[in-house]
């Protein structure tokens, strides 16, 4: 019976930590850059687009495809940084819990 109570307490603590982490991620802003910083994309920790900056020199109608590629590259850079930060925070929350390998939280 003692083990069940311990598990219930650990689950409750983890729930609180998860809620705090989710709030932190909502406030987190990461930037991805491409083209030597000519295109910058800002994402929240949850992957929502928060901002887009484009160097005015890229506003050439003849090079729209280059601009599109740079925006995609900057977005992907920001997304990778956001996901890495999410995984880092998740590792902090789940430290010491016996989770199966490869299990991702939140579900």
PDB file of N, CA and C in Angstrom:
ATOM      1  N   UNK A   1       0.827  -1.189   0.000  1.00  0.00           N
ATOM      2  CA  UNK A   1       0.000   0.000   0.000  1.00  0.00           C
ATOM      3  C   UNK A   1       0.875   1.257   0.000  1.00  0.00           C
ATOM      4  N   UNK A   2       2.008   1.181   0.642  1.00  0.00           N
ATOM      5  CA  UNK A   2       2.902   2.318   0.714  1.00  0.00           C
ATOM      6  C   UNK A   2       3.421   2.702  -0.671  1.00  0.00           C
ATOM      7  N   UNK A   3       3.685   1.695  -1.516  1.00  0.00           N
ATOM      8  CA  UNK A   3       4.175   1.959  -2.870  1.00  0.00           C
ATOM      9  C   UNK A   3       3.131   2.695  -3.703  1.00  0.00           C
ATOM     10  N   UNK A   4       1.875   2.328  -3.549  1.00  0.00           N
ATOM     11  CA  UNK A   4       0.807   2.984  -4.299  1.00  0.00           C
ATOM     12  C   UNK A   4       0.697   4.441  -3.890  1.00  0.00           C
ATOM     13  N   UNK A   5       0.793   4.714  -2.607  1.00  0.00           N
ATOM     14  CA  UNK A   5       0.717   6.094  -2.122  1.00  0.00           C
ATOM     15  C   UNK A   5       1.904   6.902  -2.644  1.00  0.00           C
ATOM     16  N   UNK A   6       3.060   6.288  -2.671  1.00  0.00           N
ATOM     17  CA  UNK A   6       4.248   6.957  -3.201  1.00  0.00           C
ATOM     18  C   UNK A   6       4.096   7.263  -4.679  1.00  0.00           C
ATOM     19  N   UNK A   7       3.536   6.305  -5.427  1.00  0.00           N
ATOM     20  CA  UNK A   7       3.306   6.511  -6.852  1.00  0.00           C
ATOM     21  C   UNK A   7       2.286   7.619  -7.084  1.00  0.00           C
ATOM     22  N   UNK A   8       1.252   7.673  -6.270  1.00  0.00           N
ATOM     23  CA  UNK A   8       0.224   8.709  -6.399  1.00  0.00           C
ATOM     24  C   UNK A   8       0.824  10.079  -6.121  1.00  0.00           C
ATOM     25  N   UNK A   9       1.679  10.155  -5.112  1.00  0.00           N
ATOM     26  CA  UNK A   9       2.318  11.421  -4.777  1.00  0.00           C
ATOM     27  C   UNK A   9       3.249  11.855  -5.911  1.00  0.00           C
ATOM     28  N   UNK A  10       4.024  10.910  -6.448  1.00  0.00           N
ATOM     29  CA  UNK A  10       4.941  11.221  -7.546  1.00  0.00           C
ATOM     30  C   UNK A  10       4.164  11.673  -8.782  1.00  0.00           C
ATOM     31  N   UNK A  11       3.033  11.038  -9.059  1.00  0.00           N
ATOM     32  CA  UNK A  11       2.213  11.418 -10.209  1.00  0.00           C
ATOM     33  C   UNK A  11       1.645  12.825 -10.025  1.00  0.00           C
ATOM     34  N   UNK A  12       1.230  13.132  -8.819  1.00  0.00           N
ATOM     35  CA  UNK A  12       0.701  14.465  -8.528  1.00  0.00           C
ATOM     36  C   UNK A  12       1.778  15.533  -8.687  1.00  0.00           C
ATOM     37  N   UNK A  13       2.977  15.246  -8.189  1.00  0.00           N
ATOM     38  CA  UNK A  13       4.089  16.187  -8.323  1.00  0.00           C
ATOM     39  C   UNK A  13       4.463  16.385  -9.792  1.00  0.00           C
ATOM     40  N   UNK A  14       4.459  15.290 -10.540  1.00  0.00           N
ATOM     41  CA  UNK A  14       4.801  15.373 -11.948  1.00  0.00           C
ATOM     42  C   UNK A  14       3.758  16.199 -12.699  1.00  0.00           C
ATOM     43  N   UNK A  15       2.497  16.052 -12.347  1.00  0.00           N
ATOM     44  CA  UNK A  15       1.442  16.830 -12.998  1.00  0.00           C
ATOM     45  C   UNK A  15       1.686  18.321 -12.778  1.00  0.00           C
ATOM     46  N   UNK A  16       2.031  18.695 -11.567  1.00  0.00           N
ATOM     47  CA  UNK A  16       2.320  20.096 -11.270  1.00  0.00           C
ATOM     48  C   UNK A  16       3.514  20.605 -12.057  1.00  0.00           C
ATOM     49  N   UNK A  17       4.553  19.774 -12.136  1.00  0.00           N
ATOM     50  CA  UNK A  17       5.745  20.161 -12.895  1.00  0.00           C
ATOM     51  C   UNK A  17       5.431  20.285 -14.380  1.00  0.00           C
ATOM     52  N   UNK A  18       4.603  19.392 -14.903  1.00  0.00           N
ATOM     53  CA  UNK A  18       4.224  19.434 -16.317  1.00  0.00           C
ATOM     54  C   UNK A  18       3.445  20.711 -16.624  1.00  0.00           C
ATOM     55  N   UNK A  19       2.539  21.085 -15.730  1.00  0.00           N
ATOM     56  CA  UNK A  19       1.759  22.300 -15.937  1.00  0.00           C
ATOM     57  C   UNK A  19       2.670  23.530 -15.925  1.00  0.00           C
ATOM     58  N   UNK A  20       3.627  23.545 -15.015  1.00  0.00           N
ATOM     59  CA  UNK A  20       4.576  24.661 -14.951  1.00  0.00           C
ATOM     60  C   UNK A  20       5.426  24.707 -16.213  1.00  0.00           C
ATOM     61  N   UNK A  21       5.855  23.530 -16.699  1.00  0.00           N
ATOM     62  CA  UNK A  21       6.666  23.469 -17.900  1.00  0.00           C
ATOM     63  C   UNK A  21       5.871  23.959 -19.110  1.00  0.00           C
ATOM     64  N   UNK A  22       4.606  23.568 -19.199  1.00  0.00           N
ATOM     65  CA  UNK A  22       3.763  24.011 -20.312  1.00  0.00           C
ATOM     66  C   UNK A  22       3.625  25.531 -20.313  1.00  0.00           C
ATOM     67  N   UNK A  23       3.487  26.124 -19.131  1.00  0.00           N
ATOM     68  CA  UNK A  23       3.393  27.587 -19.026  1.00  0.00           C
ATOM     69  C   UNK A  23       4.706  28.235 -19.462  1.00  0.00           C
ATOM     70  N   UNK A  24       5.838  27.645 -19.074  1.00  0.00           N
ATOM     71  CA  UNK A  24       7.141  28.163 -19.488  1.00  0.00           C
ATOM     72  C   UNK A  24       7.299  28.095 -20.999  1.00  0.00           C
ATOM     73  N   UNK A  25       6.881  26.983 -21.586  1.00  0.00           N
ATOM     74  CA  UNK A  25       7.009  26.815 -23.033  1.00  0.00           C
ATOM     75  C   UNK A  25       6.128  27.805 -23.784  1.00  0.00           C
ATOM     76  N   UNK A  26       4.975  28.122 -23.228  1.00  0.00           N
ATOM     77  CA  UNK A  26       4.099  29.094 -23.881  1.00  0.00           C
ATOM     78  C   UNK A  26       4.753  30.469 -23.924  1.00  0.00           C
ATOM     79  N   UNK A  27       5.585  30.780 -22.937  1.00  0.00           N
ATOM     80  CA  UNK A  27       6.264  32.074 -22.877  1.00  0.00           C
ATOM     81  C   UNK A  27       7.602  32.081 -23.616  1.00  0.00           C
ATOM     82  N   UNK A  28       8.173  30.913 -23.852  1.00  0.00           N
ATOM     83  CA  UNK A  28       9.471  30.799 -24.513  1.00  0.00           C
ATOM     84  C   UNK A  28       9.386  31.275 -25.956  1.00  0.00           C
ATOM     85  N   UNK A  29      10.368  32.030 -26.402  1.00  0.00           N
ATOM     86  CA  UNK A  29      10.455  32.437 -27.801  1.00  0.00           C
ATOM     87  C   UNK A  29      11.851  32.081 -28.304  1.00  0.00           C
ATOM     88  N   UNK A  30      11.906  31.317 -29.393  1.00  0.00           N
ATOM     89  CA  UNK A  30      13.181  30.954 -30.002  1.00  0.00           C
ATOM     90  C   UNK A  30      13.226  31.556 -31.403  1.00  0.00           C
ATOM     91  N   UNK A  31      14.441  31.859 -31.851  1.00  0.00           N
ATOM     92  CA  UNK A  31      14.609  32.433 -33.172  1.00  0.00           C
ATOM     93  C   UNK A  31      15.398  31.483 -34.065  1.00  0.00           C
ATOM     94  N   UNK A  32      14.948  31.373 -35.289  1.00  0.00           N
ATOM     95  CA  UNK A  32      15.675  30.636 -36.307  1.00  0.00           C
ATOM     96  C   UNK A  32      16.109  31.620 -37.372  1.00  0.00           C
ATOM     97  N   UNK A  33      17.289  31.403 -37.911  1.00  0.00           N
ATOM     98  CA  UNK A  33      17.833  32.326 -38.913  1.00  0.00           C
ATOM     99  C   UNK A  33      18.297  31.561 -40.141  1.00  0.00           C
ATOM    100  N   UNK A  34      18.246  32.263 -41.253  1.00  0.00           N
ATOM    101  CA  UNK A  34      18.797  31.701 -42.490  1.00  0.00           C
ATOM    102  C   UNK A  34      19.331  32.856 -43.327  1.00  0.00           C
ATOM    103  N   UNK A  35      20.087  32.505 -44.353  1.00  0.00           N
ATOM    104  CA  UNK A  35      20.650  33.521 -45.231  1.00  0.00           C
ATOM    105  C   UNK A  35      21.567  34.475 -44.498  1.00  0.00           C
ATOM    106  N   UNK A  36      22.329  33.949 -43.549  1.00  0.00           N
ATOM    107  CA  UNK A  36      23.245  34.798 -42.799  1.00  0.00           C
ATOM    108  C   UNK A  36      22.523  35.820 -41.936  1.00  0.00           C
ATOM    109  N   UNK A  37      21.321  35.479 -41.481  1.00  0.00           N
ATOM    110  CA  UNK A  37      20.548  36.384 -40.631  1.00  0.00           C
ATOM    111  C   UNK A  37      19.631  37.311 -41.414  1.00  0.00           C
ATOM    112  N   UNK A  38      19.552  37.116 -42.715  1.00  0.00           N
ATOM    113  CA  UNK A  38      18.690  37.983 -43.529  1.00  0.00           C
ATOM    114  C   UNK A  38      17.214  37.659 -43.329  1.00  0.00           C
ATOM    115  N   UNK A  39      16.920  36.429 -42.891  1.00  0.00           N
ATOM    116  CA  UNK A  39      15.557  36.033 -42.559  1.00  0.00           C
ATOM    117  C   UNK A  39      15.580  35.462 -41.149  1.00  0.00           C
ATOM    118  N   UNK A  40      14.699  35.992 -40.293  1.00  0.00           N
ATOM    119  CA  UNK A  40      14.594  35.533 -38.912  1.00  0.00           C
ATOM    120  C   UNK A  40      13.143  35.188 -38.616  1.00  0.00           C
ATOM    121  N   UNK A  41      12.928  34.010 -38.045  1.00  0.00           N
ATOM    122  CA  UNK A  41      11.600  33.561 -37.656  1.00  0.00           C
ATOM    123  C   UNK A  41      11.602  33.354 -36.148  1.00  0.00           C
ATOM    124  N   UNK A  42      10.582  33.865 -35.474  1.00  0.00           N
ATOM    125  CA  UNK A  42      10.428  33.669 -34.026  1.00  0.00           C
ATOM    126  C   UNK A  42       9.232  32.756 -33.783  1.00  0.00           C
ATOM    127  N   UNK A  43       9.462  31.703 -32.977  1.00  0.00           N
ATOM    128  CA  UNK A  43       8.400  30.761 -32.619  1.00  0.00           C
ATOM    129  C   UNK A  43       8.275  30.685 -31.113  1.00  0.00           C
ATOM    130  N   UNK A  44       7.056  30.381 -30.657  1.00  0.00           N
ATOM    131  CA  UNK A  44       6.879  30.092 -29.236  1.00  0.00           C
ATOM    132  C   UNK A  44       7.406  28.694 -28.974  1.00  0.00           C
ATOM    133  N   UNK A  45       7.527  28.347 -27.720  1.00  0.00           N
ATOM    134  CA  UNK A  45       7.960  27.005 -27.358  1.00  0.00           C
ATOM    135  C   UNK A  45       6.991  25.932 -27.814  1.00  0.00           C
ATOM    136  N   UNK A  46       5.767  26.337 -28.131  1.00  0.00           N
ATOM    137  CA  UNK A  46       4.765  25.394 -28.617  1.00  0.00           C
ATOM    138  C   UNK A  46       4.693  25.365 -30.135  1.00  0.00           C
ATOM    139  N   UNK A  47       5.572  26.147 -30.799  1.00  0.00           N
ATOM    140  CA  UNK A  47       5.642  26.124 -32.251  1.00  0.00           C
ATOM    141  C   UNK A  47       4.780  27.150 -32.954  1.00  0.00           C
ATOM    142  N   UNK A  48       4.161  28.069 -32.199  1.00  0.00           N
ATOM    143  CA  UNK A  48       3.354  29.111 -32.826  1.00  0.00           C
ATOM    144  C   UNK A  48       4.263  30.205 -33.373  1.00  0.00           C
ATOM    145  N   UNK A  49       3.983  30.666 -34.588  1.00  0.00           N
ATOM    146  CA  UNK A  49       4.771  31.722 -35.206  1.00  0.00           C
ATOM    147  C   UNK A  49       4.506  33.028 -34.477  1.00  0.00           C
ATOM    148  N   UNK A  50       5.577  33.653 -33.977  1.00  0.00           N
ATOM    149  CA  UNK A  50       5.464  34.905 -33.237  1.00  0.00           C
ATOM    150  C   UNK A  50       5.978  36.094 -34.031  1.00  0.00           C
ATOM    151  N   UNK A  51       6.887  35.859 -34.965  1.00  0.00           N
ATOM    152  CA  UNK A  51       7.425  36.967 -35.727  1.00  0.00           C
ATOM    153  C   UNK A  51       8.208  36.506 -36.933  1.00  0.00           C
ATOM    154  N   UNK A  52       8.315  37.406 -37.892  1.00  0.00           N
ATOM    155  CA  UNK A  52       9.069  37.142 -39.118  1.00  0.00           C
ATOM    156  C   UNK A  52       9.731  38.445 -39.529  1.00  0.00           C
ATOM    157  N   UNK A  53      11.060  38.410 -39.689  1.00  0.00           N
ATOM    158  CA  UNK A  53      11.806  39.581 -40.140  1.00  0.00           C
ATOM    159  C   UNK A  53      12.548  39.222 -41.412  1.00  0.00           C
ATOM    160  N   UNK A  54      12.424  40.105 -42.405  1.00  0.00           N
ATOM    161  CA  UNK A  54      13.073  39.885 -43.692  1.00  0.00           C
ATOM    162  C   UNK A  54      13.869  41.120 -44.043  1.00  0.00           C
ATOM    163  N   UNK A  55      15.142  40.921 -44.348  1.00  0.00           N
ATOM    164  CA  UNK A  55      15.988  42.037 -44.764  1.00  0.00           C
ATOM    165  C   UNK A  55      15.394  42.642 -46.040  1.00  0.00           C
ATOM    166  N   UNK A  56      15.225  43.963 -46.072  1.00  0.00           N
ATOM    167  CA  UNK A  56      14.623  44.615 -47.251  1.00  0.00           C
ATOM    168  C   UNK A  56      15.335  44.309 -48.563  1.00  0.00           C
ATOM    169  N   UNK A  57      16.617  43.989 -48.531  1.00  0.00           N
ATOM    170  CA  UNK A  57      17.337  43.698 -49.773  1.00  0.00           C
ATOM    171  C   UNK A  57      16.820  42.428 -50.453  1.00  0.00           C
ATOM    172  N   UNK A  58      16.069  41.606 -49.714  1.00  0.00           N
ATOM    173  CA  UNK A  58      15.523  40.374 -50.290  1.00  0.00           C
ATOM    174  C   UNK A  58      14.189  40.599 -51.000  1.00  0.00           C
ATOM    175  N   UNK A  59      13.646  41.786 -50.916  1.00  0.00           N
ATOM    176  CA  UNK A  59      12.334  42.079 -51.506  1.00  0.00           C
ATOM    177  C   UNK A  59      12.445  42.348 -53.007  1.00  0.00           C
ATOM    178  N   UNK A  60      13.068  41.449 -53.707  1.00  0.00           N
ATOM    179  CA  UNK A  60      13.238  41.548 -55.147  1.00  0.00           C
ATOM    180  C   UNK A  60      12.273  40.556 -55.801  1.00  0.00           C
ATOM    181  N   UNK A  61      11.296  41.030 -56.553  1.00  0.00           N
ATOM    182  CA  UNK A  61      10.316  40.123 -57.151  1.00  0.00           C
ATOM    183  C   UNK A  61      10.941  39.018 -58.008  1.00  0.00           C
ATOM    184  N   UNK A  62      12.110  39.265 -58.551  1.00  0.00           N
ATOM    185  CA  UNK A  62      12.758  38.257 -59.393  1.00  0.00           C
ATOM    186  C   UNK A  62      13.342  37.112 -58.564  1.00  0.00           C
ATOM    187  N   UNK A  63      13.455  37.312 -57.239  1.00  0.00           N
ATOM    188  CA  UNK A  63      14.061  36.289 -56.375  1.00  0.00           C
ATOM    189  C   UNK A  63      13.101  35.793 -55.298  1.00  0.00           C
ATOM    190  N   UNK A  64      11.836  35.728 -55.623  1.00  0.00           N
ATOM    191  CA  UNK A  64      10.824  35.284 -54.670  1.00  0.00           C
ATOM    192  C   UNK A  64      11.095  33.858 -54.203  1.00  0.00           C
ATOM    193  N   UNK A  65      11.532  32.992 -55.091  1.00  0.00           N
ATOM    194  CA  UNK A  65      11.791  31.597 -54.718  1.00  0.00           C
ATOM    195  C   UNK A  65      12.911  31.504 -53.686  1.00  0.00           C
ATOM    196  N   UNK A  66      13.937  32.314 -53.812  1.00  0.00           N
ATOM    197  CA  UNK A  66      15.027  32.336 -52.835  1.00  0.00           C
ATOM    198  C   UNK A  66      14.479  32.766 -51.479  1.00  0.00           C
ATOM    199  N   UNK A  67      13.660  33.802 -51.475  1.00  0.00           N
ATOM    200  CA  UNK A  67      13.060  34.288 -50.231  1.00  0.00           C
ATOM    201  C   UNK A  67      12.201  33.208 -49.584  1.00  0.00           C
ATOM    202  N   UNK A  68      11.402  32.533 -50.370  1.00  0.00           N
ATOM    203  CA  UNK A  68      10.563  31.457 -49.843  1.00  0.00           C
ATOM    204  C   UNK A  68      11.416  30.368 -49.200  1.00  0.00           C
ATOM    205  N   UNK A  69      12.497  29.984 -49.868  1.00  0.00           N
ATOM    206  CA  UNK A  69      13.390  28.956 -49.324  1.00  0.00           C
ATOM    207  C   UNK A  69      14.033  29.418 -48.015  1.00  0.00           C
ATOM    208  N   UNK A  70      14.413  30.694 -47.956  1.00  0.00           N
ATOM    209  CA  UNK A  70      15.024  31.218 -46.733  1.00  0.00           C
ATOM    210  C   UNK A  70      14.029  31.252 -45.568  1.00  0.00           C
ATOM    211  N   UNK A  71      12.789  31.574 -45.850  1.00  0.00           N
ATOM    212  CA  UNK A  71      11.761  31.574 -44.802  1.00  0.00           C
ATOM    213  C   UNK A  71      11.558  30.159 -44.273  1.00  0.00           C
ATOM    214  N   UNK A  72      11.479  29.200 -45.164  1.00  0.00           N
ATOM    215  CA  UNK A  72      11.309  27.802 -44.744  1.00  0.00           C
ATOM    216  C   UNK A  72      12.499  27.355 -43.906  1.00  0.00           C
ATOM    217  N   UNK A  73      13.702  27.691 -44.336  1.00  0.00           N
ATOM    218  CA  UNK A  73      14.905  27.295 -43.601  1.00  0.00           C
ATOM    219  C   UNK A  73      14.938  27.940 -42.216  1.00  0.00           C
ATOM    220  N   UNK A  74      14.569  29.209 -42.121  1.00  0.00           N
ATOM    221  CA  UNK A  74      14.552  29.890 -40.820  1.00  0.00           C
ATOM    222  C   UNK A  74      13.496  29.282 -39.911  1.00  0.00           C
ATOM    223  N   UNK A  75      12.333  28.964 -40.465  1.00  0.00           N
ATOM    224  CA  UNK A  75      11.272  28.334 -39.679  1.00  0.00           C
ATOM    225  C   UNK A  75      11.738  26.987 -39.139  1.00  0.00           C
ATOM    226  N   UNK A  76      12.337  26.183 -39.999  1.00  0.00           N
ATOM    227  CA  UNK A  76      12.809  24.870 -39.568  1.00  0.00           C
ATOM    228  C   UNK A  76      13.897  24.983 -38.506  1.00  0.00           C
ATOM    229  N   UNK A  77      14.762  25.988 -38.618  1.00  0.00           N
ATOM    230  CA  UNK A  77      15.793  26.221 -37.613  1.00  0.00           C
ATOM    231  C   UNK A  77      15.155  26.559 -36.271  1.00  0.00           C
ATOM    232  N   UNK A  78      14.167  27.457 -36.287  1.00  0.00           N
ATOM    233  CA  UNK A  78      13.484  27.835 -35.042  1.00  0.00           C
ATOM    234  C   UNK A  78      12.722  26.652 -34.461  1.00  0.00           C
ATOM    235  N   UNK A  79      12.093  25.865 -35.303  1.00  0.00           N
ATOM    236  CA  UNK A  79      11.331  24.706 -34.835  1.00  0.00           C
ATOM    237  C   UNK A  79      12.251  23.686 -34.158  1.00  0.00           C
ATOM    238  N   UNK A  80      13.407  23.443 -34.752  1.00  0.00           N
ATOM    239  CA  UNK A  80      14.365  22.502 -34.161  1.00  0.00           C
ATOM    240  C   UNK A  80      14.831  22.998 -32.795  1.00  0.00           C
ATOM    241  N   UNK A  81      15.082  24.303 -32.677  1.00  0.00           N
ATOM    242  CA  UNK A  81      15.499  24.867 -31.387  1.00  0.00           C
ATOM    243  C   UNK A  81      14.385  24.757 -30.361  1.00  0.00           C
ATOM    244  N   UNK A  82      13.150  24.993 -30.780  1.00  0.00           N
ATOM    245  CA  UNK A  82      12.004  24.886 -29.879  1.00  0.00           C
ATOM    246  C   UNK A  82      11.833  23.451 -29.383  1.00  0.00           C
ATOM    247  N   UNK A  83      11.943  22.498 -30.297  1.00  0.00           N
ATOM    248  CA  UNK A  83      11.806  21.090 -29.921  1.00  0.00           C
ATOM    249  C   UNK A  83      12.933  20.650 -28.985  1.00  0.00           C
ATOM    250  N   UNK A  84      14.144  21.130 -29.229  1.00  0.00           N
ATOM    251  CA  UNK A  84      15.273  20.778 -28.369  1.00  0.00           C
ATOM    252  C   UNK A  84      15.052  21.329 -26.952  1.00  0.00           C
ATOM    253  N   UNK A  85      14.561  22.547 -26.864  1.00  0.00           N
ATOM    254  CA  UNK A  85      14.301  23.148 -25.551  1.00  0.00           C
ATOM    255  C   UNK A  85      13.165  22.410 -24.842  1.00  0.00           C
ATOM    256  N   UNK A  86      12.149  22.007 -25.588  1.00  0.00           N
ATOM    257  CA  UNK A  86      11.048  21.241 -25.003  1.00  0.00           C
ATOM    258  C   UNK A  86      11.564  19.918 -24.443  1.00  0.00           C
ATOM    259  N   UNK A  87      12.407  19.237 -25.199  1.00  0.00           N
ATOM    260  CA  UNK A  87      12.959  17.965 -24.729  1.00  0.00           C
ATOM    261  C   UNK A  87      13.840  18.161 -23.500  1.00  0.00           C
ATOM    262  N   UNK A  88      14.602  19.252 -23.472  1.00  0.00           N
ATOM    263  CA  UNK A  88      15.455  19.535 -22.320  1.00  0.00           C
ATOM    264  C   UNK A  88      14.602  19.770 -21.079  1.00  0.00           C
ATOM    265  N   UNK A  89      13.554  20.550 -21.222  1.00  0.00           N
ATOM    266  CA  UNK A  89      12.676  20.821 -20.083  1.00  0.00           C
ATOM    267  C   UNK A  89      11.949  19.550 -19.646  1.00  0.00           C
ATOM    268  N   UNK A  90      11.555  18.729 -20.609  1.00  0.00           N
ATOM    269  CA  UNK A  90      10.872  17.483 -20.283  1.00  0.00           C
ATOM    270  C   UNK A  90      11.793  16.554 -19.511  1.00  0.00           C
ATOM    271  N   UNK A  91      13.068  16.527 -19.882  1.00  0.00           N
ATOM    272  CA  UNK A  91      14.033  15.682 -19.175  1.00  0.00           C
ATOM    273  C   UNK A  91      14.176  16.136 -17.728  1.00  0.00           C
ATOM    274  N   UNK A  92      14.103  17.448 -17.498  1.00  0.00           N
ATOM    275  CA  UNK A  92      14.164  17.962 -16.131  1.00  0.00           C
ATOM    276  C   UNK A  92      12.957  17.501 -15.327  1.00  0.00           C
ATOM    277  N   UNK A  93      11.769  17.561 -15.940  1.00  0.00           N
ATOM    278  CA  UNK A  93      10.534  17.195 -15.244  1.00  0.00           C
ATOM    279  C   UNK A  93      10.486  15.711 -14.935  1.00  0.00           C
ATOM    280  N   UNK A  94      10.939  14.895 -15.870  1.00  0.00           N
ATOM    281  CA  UNK A  94      10.816  13.446 -15.699  1.00  0.00           C
ATOM    282  C   UNK A  94      12.061  12.805 -15.093  1.00  0.00           C
ATOM    283  N   UNK A  95      13.023  13.608 -14.682  1.00  0.00           N
ATOM    284  CA  UNK A  95      14.254  13.056 -14.096  1.00  0.00           C
ATOM    285  C   UNK A  95      13.918  12.150 -12.922  1.00  0.00           C
ATOM    286  N   UNK A  96      14.461  10.958 -12.965  1.00  0.00           N
ATOM    287  CA  UNK A  96      14.270  10.021 -11.863  1.00  0.00           C
ATOM    288  C   UNK A  96      13.039   9.141 -11.999  1.00  0.00           C
ATOM    289  N   UNK A  97      12.177   9.412 -12.976  1.00  0.00           N
ATOM    290  CA  UNK A  97      10.994   8.567 -13.156  1.00  0.00           C
ATOM    291  C   UNK A  97      11.351   7.380 -14.042  1.00  0.00           C
ATOM    292  N   UNK A  98      10.877   6.220 -13.706  1.00  0.00           N
ATOM    293  CA  UNK A  98      11.178   5.029 -14.497  1.00  0.00           C
ATOM    294  C   UNK A  98      10.314   4.938 -15.753  1.00  0.00           C
ATOM    295  N   UNK A  99      10.567   5.793 -16.736  1.00  0.00           N
ATOM    296  CA  UNK A  99       9.800   5.762 -17.972  1.00  0.00           C
ATOM    297  C   UNK A  99      10.483   4.834 -18.972  1.00  0.00           C
ATOM    298  N   UNK A 100       9.680   4.135 -19.788  1.00  0.00           N
ATOM    299  CA  UNK A 100      10.275   3.272 -20.807  1.00  0.00           C
ATOM    300  C   UNK A 100      11.059   4.098 -21.818  1.00  0.00           C
ATOM    301  N   UNK A 101      12.125   3.549 -22.381  1.00  0.00           N
ATOM    302  CA  UNK A 101      12.914   4.269 -23.393  1.00  0.00           C
ATOM    303  C   UNK A 101      12.037   4.674 -24.575  1.00  0.00           C
ATOM    304  N   UNK A 102      12.219   5.893 -25.040  1.00  0.00           N
ATOM    305  CA  UNK A 102      11.479   6.378 -26.203  1.00  0.00           C
ATOM    306  C   UNK A 102      10.102   6.922 -25.909  1.00  0.00           C
ATOM    307  N   UNK A 103       9.658   6.814 -24.667  1.00  0.00           N
ATOM    308  CA  UNK A 103       8.333   7.341 -24.311  1.00  0.00           C
ATOM    309  C   UNK A 103       8.395   8.854 -24.297  1.00  0.00           C
ATOM    310  N   UNK A 104       7.474   9.483 -25.026  1.00  0.00           N
ATOM    311  CA  UNK A 104       7.465  10.929 -25.110  1.00  0.00           C
ATOM    312  C   UNK A 104       6.299  11.477 -24.311  1.00  0.00           C
ATOM    313  N   UNK A 105       6.568  12.521 -23.573  1.00  0.00           N
ATOM    314  CA  UNK A 105       5.533  13.228 -22.827  1.00  0.00           C
ATOM    315  C   UNK A 105       5.519  14.666 -23.318  1.00  0.00           C
ATOM    316  N   UNK A 106       4.460  15.391 -23.248  1.00  0.00           N
ATOM    317  CA  UNK A 106       3.126  14.912 -22.914  1.00  0.00           C
ATOM    318  C   UNK A 106       2.589  14.007 -24.020  1.00  0.00           C
ATOM    319  N   UNK A 107       1.689  13.161 -23.656  1.00  0.00           N
ATOM    320  CA  UNK A 107       1.214  12.089 -24.537  1.00  0.00           C
ATOM    321  C   UNK A 107       0.615  12.617 -25.778  1.00  0.00           C
TER     322      UNK A 107
END
